[in-house]
Protein backbone atom coordinates (compact mmCIF):
# COMPACT_ATOMS: atom_id res chain seq x y z
CA MET A 1 85.34 138.03 64.34
CA LYS A 2 84.11 134.93 66.17
CA ARG A 3 84.12 136.84 69.46
CA ALA A 4 82.10 139.71 67.97
CA THR A 5 79.50 137.26 66.69
CA MET A 6 79.29 135.61 70.10
CA ILE A 7 78.93 138.96 71.90
CA SER A 8 76.21 140.00 69.46
CA SER A 9 74.36 136.72 70.04
CA VAL A 10 74.55 137.06 73.82
CA LEU A 11 73.39 140.66 73.64
CA ALA A 12 70.45 139.68 71.44
CA LEU A 13 69.50 136.93 73.91
CA ILE A 14 69.66 139.32 76.84
CA LEU A 15 67.60 141.94 75.07
CA SER A 16 65.01 139.40 74.00
CA ALA A 17 64.86 138.15 77.61
CA GLY A 18 63.49 141.46 78.79
CA LEU A 19 66.57 143.35 80.00
CA PRO A 20 64.94 146.69 79.06
CA ALA A 21 62.14 145.76 81.44
CA LEU A 22 64.56 145.09 84.33
CA ALA A 23 63.56 148.13 86.33
CA GLN A 24 59.92 148.25 85.33
CA ARG A 25 56.77 146.92 86.87
CA GLY A 26 53.79 145.38 85.19
CA GLY A 27 50.27 146.74 85.22
CA GLY A 28 48.54 148.51 88.01
CA GLY A 29 49.05 149.85 91.47
CA GLY A 30 51.97 152.24 91.78
CA LYS A 31 53.84 151.93 95.05
CA GLY A 32 55.15 155.51 95.28
CA PRO A 33 57.86 157.54 93.62
CA GLY A 34 61.51 156.61 93.64
CA GLY A 35 64.13 154.64 91.81
CA PRO A 36 65.74 155.32 88.45
CA PRO A 37 64.15 157.61 85.86
CA SER A 38 61.44 156.45 83.48
CA THR A 39 62.09 154.31 80.48
CA PRO A 40 59.78 154.85 77.51
CA GLY A 41 56.86 152.46 77.75
CA SER A 42 57.45 151.71 81.43
CA ASP A 43 55.14 152.13 84.37
CA ARG A 44 57.89 154.11 86.14
CA SER A 45 56.14 157.33 85.07
CA LYS A 46 53.22 156.22 87.24
CA GLY A 47 55.42 156.43 90.33
CA ASN A 48 56.32 152.81 90.64
CA SER A 49 59.73 151.82 92.05
CA ASP A 50 59.80 148.14 91.25
CA THR A 51 62.04 145.79 89.26
CA ARG A 52 59.35 143.78 87.49
CA GLY A 53 58.69 143.38 83.78
CA ALA A 54 55.83 145.02 81.99
CA SER A 55 54.06 141.80 81.03
CA SER A 56 53.68 138.22 82.09
CA ASN A 57 56.14 135.92 80.36
CA THR A 58 53.61 133.17 79.92
CA ASN A 59 51.13 135.33 78.03
CA SER A 60 53.59 137.05 75.72
CA GLY A 61 55.43 133.96 74.51
CA GLN A 62 58.62 134.97 76.34
CA LYS A 63 60.53 132.42 78.34
CA THR A 64 60.17 132.28 82.10
CA PRO A 65 63.14 133.11 84.34
CA GLY A 66 63.46 129.39 85.11
CA GLU A 67 63.62 128.49 81.42
CA LEU A 68 66.25 131.17 80.81
CA LEU A 69 68.34 129.90 83.75
CA THR A 70 68.20 126.37 82.32
CA GLN A 71 69.79 127.73 79.14
CA ASN A 72 72.26 129.99 80.94
CA THR A 73 74.28 127.72 83.20
CA LYS A 74 76.91 130.38 83.96
CA LEU A 75 74.28 132.72 85.43
CA ALA A 76 72.53 129.82 87.15
CA SER A 77 75.78 128.80 88.86
CA LYS A 78 76.46 132.33 90.04
CA LEU A 79 72.95 132.73 91.47
CA GLN A 80 73.05 129.30 93.09
CA GLY A 81 76.12 130.47 95.00
CA LEU A 82 74.22 133.49 96.35
CA LEU A 83 71.28 131.42 97.61
CA PRO A 84 71.27 129.03 100.57
CA PRO A 85 72.74 125.58 99.87
CA LYS A 86 70.41 123.07 98.22
CA THR A 87 68.01 125.78 97.04
CA ASP A 88 66.11 124.63 93.96
CA LEU A 89 66.88 127.42 91.51
CA GLN A 90 63.86 126.64 89.31
CA ALA A 91 61.51 126.81 92.30
CA ALA A 92 63.19 130.00 93.52
CA ALA A 93 62.71 131.65 90.11
CA SER A 94 59.06 130.65 89.79
CA GLY A 95 56.61 133.49 90.24
CA PHE A 96 58.96 136.21 89.03
CA LYS A 97 57.84 138.01 85.90
CA ASN A 98 61.28 138.33 84.36
CA LEU A 99 64.87 137.26 84.87
CA GLY A 100 66.04 140.73 85.93
CA GLU A 101 63.51 140.85 88.76
CA PHE A 102 64.66 137.44 90.00
CA VAL A 103 68.39 138.24 89.77
CA SER A 104 67.87 141.56 91.61
CA ALA A 105 65.92 139.78 94.36
CA VAL A 106 68.69 137.20 94.79
CA HIS A 107 71.23 139.99 95.20
CA VAL A 108 69.10 141.89 97.72
CA SER A 109 68.60 138.70 99.73
CA HIS A 110 72.32 138.00 99.71
CA ASN A 111 73.47 141.59 100.32
CA LEU A 112 71.11 142.27 103.22
CA ASP A 113 70.98 138.74 104.65
CA ILE A 114 67.22 138.59 104.15
CA PRO A 115 65.84 135.06 103.77
CA PHE A 116 65.09 134.67 100.08
CA SER A 117 61.75 133.00 100.77
CA ASP A 118 60.62 136.04 102.80
CA LEU A 119 61.67 138.46 100.06
CA LYS A 120 60.10 136.33 97.33
CA GLY A 121 56.85 136.23 99.29
CA LYS A 122 56.72 140.03 99.25
CA LEU A 123 57.65 140.36 95.56
CA THR A 124 55.40 137.74 93.97
CA GLY A 125 51.77 136.77 94.15
CA PRO A 126 48.54 138.74 94.12
CA LYS A 127 49.67 141.33 96.69
CA ALA A 128 53.15 141.81 95.28
CA GLU A 129 55.14 144.79 96.54
CA SER A 130 57.94 146.73 94.93
CA LEU A 131 61.47 145.64 95.73
CA GLY A 132 62.03 148.90 97.63
CA LYS A 133 58.94 148.43 99.80
CA ALA A 134 59.81 144.79 100.46
CA ILE A 135 63.30 145.82 101.60
CA HIS A 136 61.81 148.51 103.84
CA ASP A 137 59.37 145.99 105.35
CA LEU A 138 61.96 143.26 105.94
CA LYS A 139 64.97 145.41 106.85
CA PRO A 140 63.66 148.83 108.04
CA ASP A 141 67.14 150.17 108.85
CA ALA A 142 68.45 149.57 105.31
CA ASP A 143 68.53 152.33 102.71
CA ALA A 144 65.98 150.66 100.44
CA LYS A 145 66.49 153.02 97.52
CA ALA A 146 70.27 152.52 97.55
CA GLU A 147 69.89 148.75 97.91
CA VAL A 148 67.51 148.56 94.94
CA LYS A 149 69.98 150.55 92.85
CA LYS A 150 72.88 148.34 93.96
CA ALA A 151 70.97 145.11 93.24
CA LYS A 152 69.85 146.36 89.83
CA HIS A 153 73.46 147.24 88.97
CA GLU A 154 74.64 143.78 90.10
CA ALA A 155 71.85 142.11 88.11
CA ASP A 156 72.73 144.14 85.00
CA ASN A 157 76.36 143.06 85.35
CA ASP A 158 75.41 139.40 85.84
CA LEU A 159 73.19 139.44 82.78
CA LYS A 160 75.87 141.13 80.66
CA GLU A 161 78.57 138.71 81.81
CA SER A 162 76.48 135.65 81.08
């Protein structure tokens, strides 16, 4: 019974952290078709193949990826191991709209040996690109669509496990 309560609590935390928004992108500027099918309420139906959340965490009262990582030390430790040594995890997570977007980016960086700072630069800021486009730009020979799918699956697993 104790285990069921704990699992329910973790699941509620994950869902409140924006897991349904893992493969969605916030307002404006579709980057072309591709990626997984639409989720109700997502911008996917507008042809966007990104892994960003639908709203800014700071405006909606949700916690930032950095705040969530402070609370979730198991996930933080796992991600720290995928980033270069001495990377400040809080600084790395800043600028990402949700935890799923950040975790997916860490996996893409690790899987494709793309410097995280280069990938983050493409994914955040005023001229942010979709994860697929950023992969294509930084590693043209990679199958961007397959890599996005793989990273999203790894991020989903990490979030479920933590």
